[in-house]
């Protein structure tokens, strides 16, 4: 199972009011194993330099319209789903870049 130590960034846990600097976080698979204010030495772990970025839980947005690519609903209804999807991809990528890992498109895309 993959092990990673994240360091050199801010850590926001969603509980504290501010992000904390100077912590290291050990992740094994999809679980956080340790958080420490001293260096974590874990055999076989890959060290990941956050380069001043932020480590935080994934954000969830339960009401988005990534497939509503036109402001006029009739245009959305007339657009082929393949074209609509191609135009939605940059929106979805931007959401990932902002930290969203789960979104629910309300009345937009189909199950696929």
N, C-alpha and C. Protein backbone atom coordinates (compact mmCIF):
# COMPACT_ATOMS: atom_id res chain seq x y z
N UNK A 1 0.84 -1.18 0.00
CA UNK A 1 0.00 0.00 0.00
C UNK A 1 0.89 1.24 0.00
N UNK A 2 0.53 2.22 -0.82
CA UNK A 2 1.34 3.44 -0.96
C UNK A 2 1.32 4.26 0.33
N UNK A 3 2.50 4.77 0.67
CA UNK A 3 2.64 5.65 1.85
C UNK A 3 3.26 6.95 1.38
N UNK A 4 2.70 8.06 1.85
CA UNK A 4 3.20 9.38 1.48
C UNK A 4 3.30 10.25 2.73
N UNK A 5 4.37 11.03 2.81
CA UNK A 5 4.51 12.04 3.85
C UNK A 5 4.44 13.40 3.16
N UNK A 6 3.45 14.18 3.52
CA UNK A 6 3.28 15.53 2.96
C UNK A 6 3.91 16.53 3.92
N UNK A 7 4.71 17.45 3.37
CA UNK A 7 5.40 18.43 4.21
C UNK A 7 5.54 19.76 3.48
N UNK A 8 5.97 20.79 4.20
CA UNK A 8 6.25 22.12 3.65
C UNK A 8 5.00 22.79 3.09
N UNK A 9 3.92 22.70 3.84
CA UNK A 9 2.70 23.38 3.43
C UNK A 9 1.82 23.63 4.63
N UNK A 10 0.74 24.30 4.39
CA UNK A 10 -0.25 24.54 5.44
C UNK A 10 -1.18 23.33 5.51
N UNK A 11 -1.65 23.03 6.71
CA UNK A 11 -2.61 21.94 6.90
C UNK A 11 -3.89 22.53 7.47
N UNK A 12 -4.99 22.34 6.75
CA UNK A 12 -6.29 22.79 7.23
C UNK A 12 -7.16 21.55 7.44
N UNK A 13 -7.61 21.35 8.67
CA UNK A 13 -8.37 20.14 8.98
C UNK A 13 -9.88 20.35 9.01
N UNK A 14 -10.33 21.59 8.84
CA UNK A 14 -11.75 21.86 8.86
C UNK A 14 -12.31 22.06 10.26
N UNK A 15 -11.50 21.83 11.27
CA UNK A 15 -11.93 22.01 12.65
C UNK A 15 -11.38 23.31 13.25
N UNK A 16 -10.10 23.56 12.99
CA UNK A 16 -9.48 24.79 13.47
C UNK A 16 -9.91 25.95 12.59
N UNK A 17 -9.84 27.16 13.12
CA UNK A 17 -10.25 28.33 12.35
C UNK A 17 -9.23 28.73 11.29
N UNK A 18 -7.99 28.33 11.48
CA UNK A 18 -6.94 28.69 10.52
C UNK A 18 -6.12 27.46 10.16
N UNK A 19 -5.42 27.57 9.06
CA UNK A 19 -4.51 26.49 8.65
C UNK A 19 -3.25 26.56 9.51
N UNK A 20 -2.62 25.41 9.69
CA UNK A 20 -1.44 25.31 10.55
C UNK A 20 -0.22 25.03 9.70
N UNK A 21 0.84 25.78 9.95
CA UNK A 21 2.10 25.62 9.24
C UNK A 21 3.02 24.71 10.04
N UNK A 22 3.94 24.03 9.36
CA UNK A 22 4.96 23.25 10.04
C UNK A 22 4.58 21.84 10.43
N UNK A 23 3.47 21.34 9.90
CA UNK A 23 3.07 19.96 10.20
C UNK A 23 3.47 19.03 9.06
N UNK A 24 3.68 17.78 9.40
CA UNK A 24 3.86 16.73 8.40
C UNK A 24 2.72 15.74 8.57
N UNK A 25 2.25 15.20 7.45
CA UNK A 25 1.10 14.29 7.47
C UNK A 25 1.49 13.01 6.74
N UNK A 26 1.33 11.88 7.43
CA UNK A 26 1.59 10.56 6.84
C UNK A 26 0.26 9.96 6.41
N UNK A 27 0.19 9.60 5.11
CA UNK A 27 -1.01 8.98 4.55
C UNK A 27 -0.63 7.62 4.01
N UNK A 28 -1.41 6.62 4.38
CA UNK A 28 -1.22 5.26 3.85
C UNK A 28 -2.50 4.88 3.13
N UNK A 29 -2.38 4.64 1.82
CA UNK A 29 -3.59 4.36 1.04
C UNK A 29 -4.48 5.58 1.05
N UNK A 30 -5.66 5.43 1.61
CA UNK A 30 -6.58 6.57 1.72
C UNK A 30 -6.84 6.98 3.17
N UNK A 31 -5.91 6.62 4.05
CA UNK A 31 -6.07 6.95 5.48
C UNK A 31 -4.93 7.81 5.99
N UNK A 32 -5.28 8.78 6.81
CA UNK A 32 -4.27 9.58 7.50
C UNK A 32 -3.80 8.76 8.70
N UNK A 33 -2.50 8.48 8.74
CA UNK A 33 -1.93 7.65 9.80
C UNK A 33 -1.36 8.51 10.93
N UNK A 34 -0.72 9.63 10.57
CA UNK A 34 -0.09 10.47 11.59
C UNK A 34 -0.01 11.91 11.13
N UNK A 35 -0.11 12.81 12.09
CA UNK A 35 0.12 14.24 11.88
C UNK A 35 1.08 14.66 12.98
N UNK A 36 2.18 15.33 12.57
CA UNK A 36 3.22 15.65 13.55
C UNK A 36 3.83 17.01 13.26
N UNK A 37 4.28 17.68 14.34
CA UNK A 37 5.00 18.94 14.15
C UNK A 37 6.51 18.71 14.08
N UNK A 38 6.90 17.43 14.05
CA UNK A 38 8.30 17.06 13.80
C UNK A 38 8.34 16.16 12.58
N UNK A 39 9.53 15.99 12.02
CA UNK A 39 9.69 15.18 10.81
C UNK A 39 9.20 13.75 11.04
N UNK A 40 8.44 13.24 10.09
CA UNK A 40 7.97 11.86 10.15
C UNK A 40 8.91 11.00 9.33
N UNK A 41 9.46 9.98 9.96
CA UNK A 41 10.35 9.04 9.27
C UNK A 41 9.59 7.73 9.11
N UNK A 42 9.13 7.48 7.90
CA UNK A 42 8.36 6.28 7.63
C UNK A 42 9.03 5.51 6.50
N UNK A 43 9.52 4.33 6.81
CA UNK A 43 10.24 3.52 5.82
C UNK A 43 9.38 3.29 4.58
N UNK A 44 9.95 3.58 3.44
CA UNK A 44 9.27 3.33 2.18
C UNK A 44 8.28 4.40 1.76
N UNK A 45 8.10 5.42 2.57
CA UNK A 45 7.14 6.47 2.23
C UNK A 45 7.76 7.45 1.25
N UNK A 46 6.96 7.89 0.31
CA UNK A 46 7.38 8.93 -0.62
C UNK A 46 7.12 10.27 0.04
N UNK A 47 8.13 11.13 0.07
CA UNK A 47 7.97 12.47 0.65
C UNK A 47 7.48 13.42 -0.44
N UNK A 48 6.40 14.13 -0.15
CA UNK A 48 5.77 15.02 -1.11
C UNK A 48 5.88 16.45 -0.58
N UNK A 49 6.65 17.28 -1.29
CA UNK A 49 6.83 18.68 -0.92
C UNK A 49 5.64 19.48 -1.43
N UNK A 50 4.87 20.06 -0.53
CA UNK A 50 3.70 20.84 -0.92
C UNK A 50 4.07 22.23 -1.43
N UNK A 51 5.34 22.57 -1.33
CA UNK A 51 5.86 23.85 -1.87
C UNK A 51 5.01 25.05 -1.44
N UNK A 52 4.63 25.07 -0.18
CA UNK A 52 3.87 26.20 0.34
C UNK A 52 2.38 26.13 0.08
N UNK A 53 1.92 25.05 -0.54
CA UNK A 53 0.49 24.88 -0.82
C UNK A 53 -0.27 24.48 0.44
N UNK A 54 -1.48 23.99 0.25
CA UNK A 54 -2.31 23.62 1.38
C UNK A 54 -2.83 22.20 1.24
N UNK A 55 -2.80 21.48 2.34
CA UNK A 55 -3.37 20.14 2.42
C UNK A 55 -4.66 20.27 3.22
N UNK A 56 -5.76 19.78 2.64
CA UNK A 56 -7.05 19.94 3.29
C UNK A 56 -8.00 18.85 2.82
N UNK A 57 -9.10 18.64 3.55
CA UNK A 57 -10.10 17.67 3.07
C UNK A 57 -10.70 18.16 1.77
N UNK A 58 -11.16 17.22 0.95
CA UNK A 58 -11.82 17.61 -0.29
C UNK A 58 -13.12 18.33 -0.01
N UNK A 59 -13.41 19.35 -0.80
CA UNK A 59 -14.65 20.10 -0.64
C UNK A 59 -15.78 19.39 -1.38
N UNK A 60 -17.01 19.60 -0.91
CA UNK A 60 -18.20 19.02 -1.52
C UNK A 60 -19.15 20.14 -1.89
N UNK A 61 -19.65 20.13 -3.13
CA UNK A 61 -20.67 21.08 -3.56
C UNK A 61 -21.85 20.26 -4.05
N UNK A 62 -22.97 20.35 -3.35
CA UNK A 62 -24.14 19.54 -3.67
C UNK A 62 -25.11 20.22 -4.62
N UNK A 63 -24.74 21.41 -5.15
CA UNK A 63 -25.65 22.09 -6.06
C UNK A 63 -24.83 22.92 -7.06
N UNK A 64 -24.47 22.28 -8.15
CA UNK A 64 -23.74 22.97 -9.22
C UNK A 64 -24.45 22.73 -10.55
N UNK A 65 -24.07 23.50 -11.55
CA UNK A 65 -24.64 23.36 -12.89
C UNK A 65 -23.50 23.35 -13.90
N UNK A 66 -22.65 22.34 -13.84
CA UNK A 66 -21.51 22.30 -14.77
C UNK A 66 -21.95 22.04 -16.20
N UNK A 67 -23.11 21.43 -16.39
CA UNK A 67 -23.58 21.15 -17.74
C UNK A 67 -24.49 22.23 -18.30
N UNK A 68 -24.85 23.21 -17.51
CA UNK A 68 -25.64 24.34 -18.01
C UNK A 68 -24.67 25.33 -18.62
N UNK A 69 -24.21 25.03 -19.81
CA UNK A 69 -23.14 25.81 -20.44
C UNK A 69 -23.66 27.08 -21.12
N UNK A 70 -24.96 27.20 -21.29
CA UNK A 70 -25.58 28.40 -21.85
C UNK A 70 -26.54 28.97 -20.81
N UNK A 71 -26.69 30.28 -20.81
CA UNK A 71 -27.64 30.89 -19.88
C UNK A 71 -29.08 30.69 -20.32
N UNK A 72 -29.28 30.42 -21.59
CA UNK A 72 -30.63 30.19 -22.12
C UNK A 72 -30.88 28.68 -22.10
N UNK A 73 -31.84 28.25 -21.30
CA UNK A 73 -32.10 26.82 -21.10
C UNK A 73 -32.43 26.10 -22.41
N UNK A 74 -33.13 26.75 -23.32
CA UNK A 74 -33.49 26.11 -24.59
C UNK A 74 -32.24 25.73 -25.38
N UNK A 75 -31.19 26.54 -25.28
CA UNK A 75 -29.94 26.21 -25.98
C UNK A 75 -29.29 24.97 -25.36
N UNK A 76 -29.36 24.86 -24.05
CA UNK A 76 -28.81 23.67 -23.39
C UNK A 76 -29.56 22.41 -23.82
N UNK A 77 -30.87 22.52 -23.90
CA UNK A 77 -31.70 21.37 -24.27
C UNK A 77 -31.44 20.94 -25.71
N UNK A 78 -31.09 21.88 -26.59
CA UNK A 78 -30.86 21.56 -28.00
C UNK A 78 -29.43 21.11 -28.27
N UNK A 79 -28.53 21.29 -27.33
CA UNK A 79 -27.11 20.96 -27.55
C UNK A 79 -26.88 19.46 -27.38
N UNK A 80 -26.14 18.84 -28.27
CA UNK A 80 -25.81 17.41 -28.09
C UNK A 80 -25.04 17.21 -26.79
N UNK A 81 -25.31 16.11 -26.12
CA UNK A 81 -24.66 15.85 -24.83
C UNK A 81 -23.14 15.79 -24.97
N UNK A 82 -22.65 15.31 -26.10
CA UNK A 82 -21.19 15.25 -26.29
C UNK A 82 -20.59 16.65 -26.31
N UNK A 83 -21.23 17.60 -26.99
CA UNK A 83 -20.73 18.98 -27.02
C UNK A 83 -20.85 19.62 -25.64
N UNK A 84 -21.96 19.36 -24.96
CA UNK A 84 -22.16 19.91 -23.62
C UNK A 84 -21.07 19.39 -22.67
N UNK A 85 -20.75 18.12 -22.79
CA UNK A 85 -19.71 17.53 -21.95
C UNK A 85 -18.36 18.15 -22.23
N UNK A 86 -18.03 18.32 -23.51
CA UNK A 86 -16.75 18.93 -23.87
C UNK A 86 -16.63 20.34 -23.29
N UNK A 87 -17.73 21.07 -23.26
CA UNK A 87 -17.70 22.43 -22.71
C UNK A 87 -17.71 22.42 -21.19
N UNK A 88 -18.20 21.35 -20.57
CA UNK A 88 -18.25 21.28 -19.11
C UNK A 88 -16.90 20.88 -18.51
N UNK A 89 -16.08 20.16 -19.27
CA UNK A 89 -14.81 19.66 -18.73
C UNK A 89 -13.93 20.75 -18.12
N UNK A 90 -13.74 21.91 -18.77
CA UNK A 90 -12.93 22.95 -18.13
C UNK A 90 -13.51 23.42 -16.79
N UNK A 91 -14.82 23.47 -16.67
CA UNK A 91 -15.45 23.85 -15.40
C UNK A 91 -15.14 22.81 -14.33
N UNK A 92 -15.25 21.54 -14.71
CA UNK A 92 -15.00 20.47 -13.75
C UNK A 92 -13.53 20.48 -13.33
N UNK A 93 -12.62 20.66 -14.27
CA UNK A 93 -11.19 20.73 -13.97
C UNK A 93 -10.90 21.89 -13.01
N UNK A 94 -11.52 23.03 -13.26
CA UNK A 94 -11.32 24.20 -12.39
C UNK A 94 -11.83 23.92 -10.97
N UNK A 95 -12.93 23.18 -10.88
CA UNK A 95 -13.44 22.84 -9.54
C UNK A 95 -12.46 21.94 -8.81
N UNK A 96 -11.88 20.97 -9.51
CA UNK A 96 -10.86 20.12 -8.90
C UNK A 96 -9.67 20.95 -8.43
N UNK A 97 -9.25 21.90 -9.26
CA UNK A 97 -8.12 22.76 -8.90
C UNK A 97 -8.42 23.62 -7.68
N UNK A 98 -9.70 23.92 -7.42
CA UNK A 98 -10.07 24.70 -6.25
C UNK A 98 -10.29 23.83 -5.01
N UNK A 99 -10.16 22.50 -5.15
CA UNK A 99 -10.27 21.63 -3.98
C UNK A 99 -11.55 20.82 -3.88
N UNK A 100 -12.43 20.92 -4.86
CA UNK A 100 -13.66 20.13 -4.81
C UNK A 100 -13.37 18.72 -5.31
N UNK A 101 -13.72 17.73 -4.52
CA UNK A 101 -13.54 16.34 -4.92
C UNK A 101 -14.87 15.64 -5.16
N UNK A 102 -15.98 16.27 -4.73
CA UNK A 102 -17.31 15.71 -4.93
C UNK A 102 -18.25 16.84 -5.32
N UNK A 103 -18.96 16.66 -6.44
CA UNK A 103 -19.97 17.63 -6.84
C UNK A 103 -21.22 16.89 -7.30
N UNK A 104 -22.34 17.55 -7.18
CA UNK A 104 -23.62 17.01 -7.65
C UNK A 104 -24.20 18.01 -8.61
N UNK A 105 -24.30 17.63 -9.88
CA UNK A 105 -24.86 18.51 -10.88
C UNK A 105 -26.39 18.41 -10.79
N UNK A 106 -27.02 19.52 -10.54
CA UNK A 106 -28.46 19.54 -10.36
C UNK A 106 -29.13 19.75 -11.72
N UNK A 107 -29.85 18.72 -12.17
CA UNK A 107 -30.63 18.78 -13.41
C UNK A 107 -29.76 19.11 -14.61
N UNK A 108 -28.62 18.46 -14.72
CA UNK A 108 -27.73 18.76 -15.82
C UNK A 108 -27.37 17.51 -16.61
N UNK A 109 -26.30 16.85 -16.20
CA UNK A 109 -25.80 15.70 -16.93
C UNK A 109 -26.63 14.45 -16.67
N UNK A 110 -26.46 13.50 -17.57
CA UNK A 110 -27.14 12.23 -17.35
C UNK A 110 -26.28 11.33 -16.47
N UNK A 111 -26.73 10.12 -16.22
CA UNK A 111 -26.01 9.21 -15.33
C UNK A 111 -24.59 8.93 -15.82
N UNK A 112 -24.41 8.80 -17.14
CA UNK A 112 -23.08 8.51 -17.69
C UNK A 112 -22.07 9.56 -17.32
